Amino acid sequence: MENKSVVKSGIGFGSVLAITISWSVNHSIIWAIIHGCFSWLYVIYYALTR
């Protein structure tokens, strides 16, 4: 029997958190999208610099 895995689509918690933080700080959709792509890196950066 073959083991088939299903790929879950959508965005993760890290991306949602990064987008929310970015929006609250910058009020810019472009920056929110960029920070959403970097997700946990931006969240950690924000936590260390605030």
PDB file of N, CA and C in Angstrom:
ATOM      1  N   MET A   1       0.830  -1.181   0.000  1.00  0.00           N
ATOM      2  CA  MET A   1       0.000   0.000   0.000  1.00  0.00           C
ATOM      3  C   MET A   1       0.880   1.252   0.000  1.00  0.00           C
ATOM      4  N   GLU A   2       0.462   2.191  -0.803  1.00  0.00           N
ATOM      5  CA  GLU A   2       1.174   3.457  -0.853  1.00  0.00           C
ATOM      6  C   GLU A   2       0.676   4.376   0.250  1.00  0.00           C
ATOM      7  N   ASN A   3       1.605   5.105   0.796  1.00  0.00           N
ATOM      8  CA  ASN A   3       1.256   6.077   1.820  1.00  0.00           C
ATOM      9  C   ASN A   3       1.164   7.446   1.154  1.00  0.00           C
ATOM     10  N   LYS A   4      -0.016   7.987   1.063  1.00  0.00           N
ATOM     11  CA  LYS A   4      -0.216   9.281   0.420  1.00  0.00           C
ATOM     12  C   LYS A   4      -0.421  10.342   1.480  1.00  0.00           C
ATOM     13  N   SER A   5       0.252  11.462   1.286  1.00  0.00           N
ATOM     14  CA  SER A   5       0.085  12.569   2.233  1.00  0.00           C
ATOM     15  C   SER A   5      -0.672  13.700   1.554  1.00  0.00           C
ATOM     16  N   VAL A   6      -1.437  14.365   2.331  1.00  0.00           N
ATOM     17  CA  VAL A   6      -2.230  15.485   1.832  1.00  0.00           C
ATOM     18  C   VAL A   6      -1.528  16.772   2.230  1.00  0.00           C
ATOM     19  N   VAL A   7      -1.314  17.626   1.259  1.00  0.00           N
ATOM     20  CA  VAL A   7      -0.677  18.907   1.524  1.00  0.00           C
ATOM     21  C   VAL A   7      -1.737  19.883   2.001  1.00  0.00           C
ATOM     22  N   LYS A   8      -1.482  20.472   3.140  1.00  0.00           N
ATOM     23  CA  LYS A   8      -2.430  21.421   3.713  1.00  0.00           C
ATOM     24  C   LYS A   8      -2.145  22.800   3.138  1.00  0.00           C
ATOM     25  N   SER A   9      -3.152  23.414   2.553  1.00  0.00           N
ATOM     26  CA  SER A   9      -2.962  24.745   1.989  1.00  0.00           C
ATOM     27  C   SER A   9      -3.400  25.794   2.999  1.00  0.00           C
ATOM     28  N   GLY A  10      -2.869  26.973   2.835  1.00  0.00           N
ATOM     29  CA  GLY A  10      -3.194  28.061   3.745  1.00  0.00           C
ATOM     30  C   GLY A  10      -1.932  28.634   4.351  1.00  0.00           C
ATOM     31  N   ILE A  11      -2.123  29.583   5.243  1.00  0.00           N
ATOM     32  CA  ILE A  11      -0.973  30.202   5.877  1.00  0.00           C
ATOM     33  C   ILE A  11      -0.894  29.754   7.323  1.00  0.00           C
ATOM     34  N   GLY A  12       0.306  29.729   7.831  1.00  0.00           N
ATOM     35  CA  GLY A  12       0.528  29.241   9.184  1.00  0.00           C
ATOM     36  C   GLY A  12       0.377  30.323  10.239  1.00  0.00           C
ATOM     37  N   PHE A  13       0.478  29.894  11.477  1.00  0.00           N
ATOM     38  CA  PHE A  13       0.334  30.811  12.606  1.00  0.00           C
ATOM     39  C   PHE A  13       1.425  31.879  12.601  1.00  0.00           C
ATOM     40  N   GLY A  14       2.649  31.503  12.239  1.00  0.00           N
ATOM     41  CA  GLY A  14       3.755  32.467  12.196  1.00  0.00           C
ATOM     42  C   GLY A  14       3.504  33.579  11.194  1.00  0.00           C
ATOM     43  N   SER A  15       2.945  33.225  10.049  1.00  0.00           N
ATOM     44  CA  SER A  15       2.640  34.227   9.034  1.00  0.00           C
ATOM     45  C   SER A  15       1.545  35.176   9.499  1.00  0.00           C
ATOM     46  N   VAL A  16       0.521  34.617  10.107  1.00  0.00           N
ATOM     47  CA  VAL A  16      -0.581  35.449  10.604  1.00  0.00           C
ATOM     48  C   VAL A  16      -0.079  36.395  11.682  1.00  0.00           C
ATOM     49  N   LEU A  17       0.756  35.895  12.584  1.00  0.00           N
ATOM     50  CA  LEU A  17       1.307  36.724  13.644  1.00  0.00           C
ATOM     51  C   LEU A  17       2.192  37.832  13.077  1.00  0.00           C
ATOM     52  N   ALA A  18       3.037  37.497  12.111  1.00  0.00           N
ATOM     53  CA  ALA A  18       3.915  38.493  11.488  1.00  0.00           C
ATOM     54  C   ALA A  18       3.110  39.560  10.760  1.00  0.00           C
ATOM     55  N   ILE A  19       2.072  39.164  10.050  1.00  0.00           N
ATOM     56  CA  ILE A  19       1.236  40.121   9.330  1.00  0.00           C
ATOM     57  C   ILE A  19       0.515  41.045  10.304  1.00  0.00           C
ATOM     58  N   THR A  20       0.018  40.482  11.395  1.00  0.00           N
ATOM     59  CA  THR A  20      -0.688  41.287  12.397  1.00  0.00           C
ATOM     60  C   THR A  20       0.245  42.303  13.046  1.00  0.00           C
ATOM     61  N   ILE A  21       1.431  41.865  13.437  1.00  0.00           N
ATOM     62  CA  ILE A  21       2.402  42.781  14.044  1.00  0.00           C
ATOM     63  C   ILE A  21       2.803  43.852  13.047  1.00  0.00           C
ATOM     64  N   SER A  22       3.097  43.444  11.828  1.00  0.00           N
ATOM     65  CA  SER A  22       3.513  44.395  10.802  1.00  0.00           C
ATOM     66  C   SER A  22       2.434  45.429  10.528  1.00  0.00           C
ATOM     67  N   TRP A  23       1.194  44.997  10.452  1.00  0.00           N
ATOM     68  CA  TRP A  23       0.099  45.931  10.194  1.00  0.00           C
ATOM     69  C   TRP A  23      -0.066  46.923  11.349  1.00  0.00           C
ATOM     70  N   SER A  24       0.075  46.439  12.580  1.00  0.00           N
ATOM     71  CA  SER A  24      -0.100  47.324  13.735  1.00  0.00           C
ATOM     72  C   SER A  24       1.031  48.342  13.838  1.00  0.00           C
ATOM     73  N   VAL A  25       2.208  48.008  13.327  1.00  0.00           N
ATOM     74  CA  VAL A  25       3.344  48.924  13.394  1.00  0.00           C
ATOM     75  C   VAL A  25       3.390  49.850  12.185  1.00  0.00           C
ATOM     76  N   ASN A  26       3.216  49.302  10.978  1.00  0.00           N
ATOM     77  CA  ASN A  26       3.453  50.062   9.751  1.00  0.00           C
ATOM     78  C   ASN A  26       2.200  50.558   9.044  1.00  0.00           C
ATOM     79  N   HIS A  27       1.073  49.910   9.222  1.00  0.00           N
ATOM     80  CA  HIS A  27      -0.173  50.226   8.497  1.00  0.00           C
ATOM     81  C   HIS A  27       0.053  50.227   6.990  1.00  0.00           C
ATOM     82  N   SER A  28       0.778  49.217   6.515  1.00  0.00           N
ATOM     83  CA  SER A  28       1.078  49.090   5.091  1.00  0.00           C
ATOM     84  C   SER A  28       0.854  47.648   4.659  1.00  0.00           C
ATOM     85  N   ILE A  29       0.068  47.482   3.619  1.00  0.00           N
ATOM     86  CA  ILE A  29      -0.215  46.139   3.114  1.00  0.00           C
ATOM     87  C   ILE A  29       1.042  45.512   2.511  1.00  0.00           C
ATOM     88  N   ILE A  30       1.838  46.311   1.816  1.00  0.00           N
ATOM     89  CA  ILE A  30       3.065  45.798   1.193  1.00  0.00           C
ATOM     90  C   ILE A  30       4.010  45.234   2.248  1.00  0.00           C
ATOM     91  N   TRP A  31       4.250  46.004   3.329  1.00  0.00           N
ATOM     92  CA  TRP A  31       5.125  45.518   4.398  1.00  0.00           C
ATOM     93  C   TRP A  31       4.528  44.305   5.096  1.00  0.00           C
ATOM     94  N   ALA A  32       3.228  44.264   5.239  1.00  0.00           N
ATOM     95  CA  ALA A  32       2.575  43.112   5.868  1.00  0.00           C
ATOM     96  C   ALA A  32       2.791  41.855   5.041  1.00  0.00           C
ATOM     97  N   ILE A  33       2.713  41.967   3.720  1.00  0.00           N
ATOM     98  CA  ILE A  33       2.945  40.820   2.839  1.00  0.00           C
ATOM     99  C   ILE A  33       4.402  40.366   2.925  1.00  0.00           C
ATOM    100  N   ILE A  34       5.326  41.324   2.890  1.00  0.00           N
ATOM    101  CA  ILE A  34       6.751  40.989   2.980  1.00  0.00           C
ATOM    102  C   ILE A  34       7.058  40.305   4.307  1.00  0.00           C
ATOM    103  N   HIS A  35       6.554  40.871   5.397  1.00  0.00           N
ATOM    104  CA  HIS A  35       6.813  40.283   6.709  1.00  0.00           C
ATOM    105  C   HIS A  35       6.109  38.942   6.870  1.00  0.00           C
ATOM    106  N   GLY A  36       4.971  38.774   6.218  1.00  0.00           N
ATOM    107  CA  GLY A  36       4.290  37.487   6.234  1.00  0.00           C
ATOM    108  C   GLY A  36       5.113  36.402   5.561  1.00  0.00           C
ATOM    109  N   CYS A  37       5.848  36.769   4.520  1.00  0.00           N
ATOM    110  CA  CYS A  37       6.719  35.793   3.839  1.00  0.00           C
ATOM    111  C   CYS A  37       7.871  35.359   4.730  1.00  0.00           C
ATOM    112  N   PHE A  38       8.386  36.277   5.540  1.00  0.00           N
ATOM    113  CA  PHE A  38       9.488  35.941   6.445  1.00  0.00           C
ATOM    114  C   PHE A  38       8.996  35.376   7.772  1.00  0.00           C
ATOM    115  N   SER A  39       7.739  35.457   8.024  1.00  0.00           N
ATOM    116  CA  SER A  39       7.014  34.963   9.190  1.00  0.00           C
ATOM    117  C   SER A  39       7.802  34.951  10.494  1.00  0.00           C
ATOM    118  N   TRP A  40       8.298  33.799  10.926  1.00  0.00           N
ATOM    119  CA  TRP A  40       8.910  33.688  12.255  1.00  0.00           C
ATOM    120  C   TRP A  40      10.170  34.530  12.386  1.00  0.00           C
ATOM    121  N   LEU A  41      10.888  34.756  11.295  1.00  0.00           N
ATOM    122  CA  LEU A  41      12.079  35.618  11.378  1.00  0.00           C
ATOM    123  C   LEU A  41      11.684  37.032  11.797  1.00  0.00           C
ATOM    124  N   TYR A  42      10.607  37.545  11.213  1.00  0.00           N
ATOM    125  CA  TYR A  42      10.155  38.883  11.581  1.00  0.00           C
ATOM    126  C   TYR A  42       9.603  38.908  12.999  1.00  0.00           C
ATOM    127  N   VAL A  43       8.898  37.886  13.420  1.00  0.00           N
ATOM    128  CA  VAL A  43       8.343  37.833  14.776  1.00  0.00           C
ATOM    129  C   VAL A  43       9.477  37.853  15.805  1.00  0.00           C
ATOM    130  N   ILE A  44      10.515  37.058  15.564  1.00  0.00           N
ATOM    131  CA  ILE A  44      11.665  37.038  16.483  1.00  0.00           C
ATOM    132  C   ILE A  44      12.388  38.371  16.470  1.00  0.00           C
ATOM    133  N   TYR A  45      12.567  38.967  15.288  1.00  0.00           N
ATOM    134  CA  TYR A  45      13.202  40.283  15.186  1.00  0.00           C
ATOM    135  C   TYR A  45      12.409  41.327  15.976  1.00  0.00           C
ATOM    136  N   TYR A  46      11.107  41.309  15.813  1.00  0.00           N
ATOM    137  CA  TYR A  46      10.246  42.258  16.519  1.00  0.00           C
ATOM    138  C   TYR A  46      10.357  42.072  18.026  1.00  0.00           C
ATOM    139  N   ALA A  47      10.365  40.825  18.477  1.00  0.00           N
ATOM    140  CA  ALA A  47      10.447  40.544  19.915  1.00  0.00           C
ATOM    141  C   ALA A  47      11.780  41.003  20.503  1.00  0.00           C
ATOM    142  N   LEU A  48      12.857  40.862  19.748  1.00  0.00           N
ATOM    143  CA  LEU A  48      14.178  41.249  20.247  1.00  0.00           C
ATOM    144  C   LEU A  48      14.401  42.759  20.229  1.00  0.00           C
ATOM    145  N   THR A  49      13.739  43.458  19.320  1.00  0.00           N
ATOM    146  CA  THR A  49      13.976  44.903  19.191  1.00  0.00           C
ATOM    147  C   THR A  49      12.948  45.754  19.946  1.00  0.00           C
ATOM    148  N   ARG A  50      11.931  45.157  20.507  1.00  0.00           N
ATOM    149  CA  ARG A  50      10.924  45.949  21.232  1.00  0.00           C
ATOM    150  C   ARG A  50      11.081  45.809  22.695  1.00  0.00           C
TER     151      ARG A  50
END
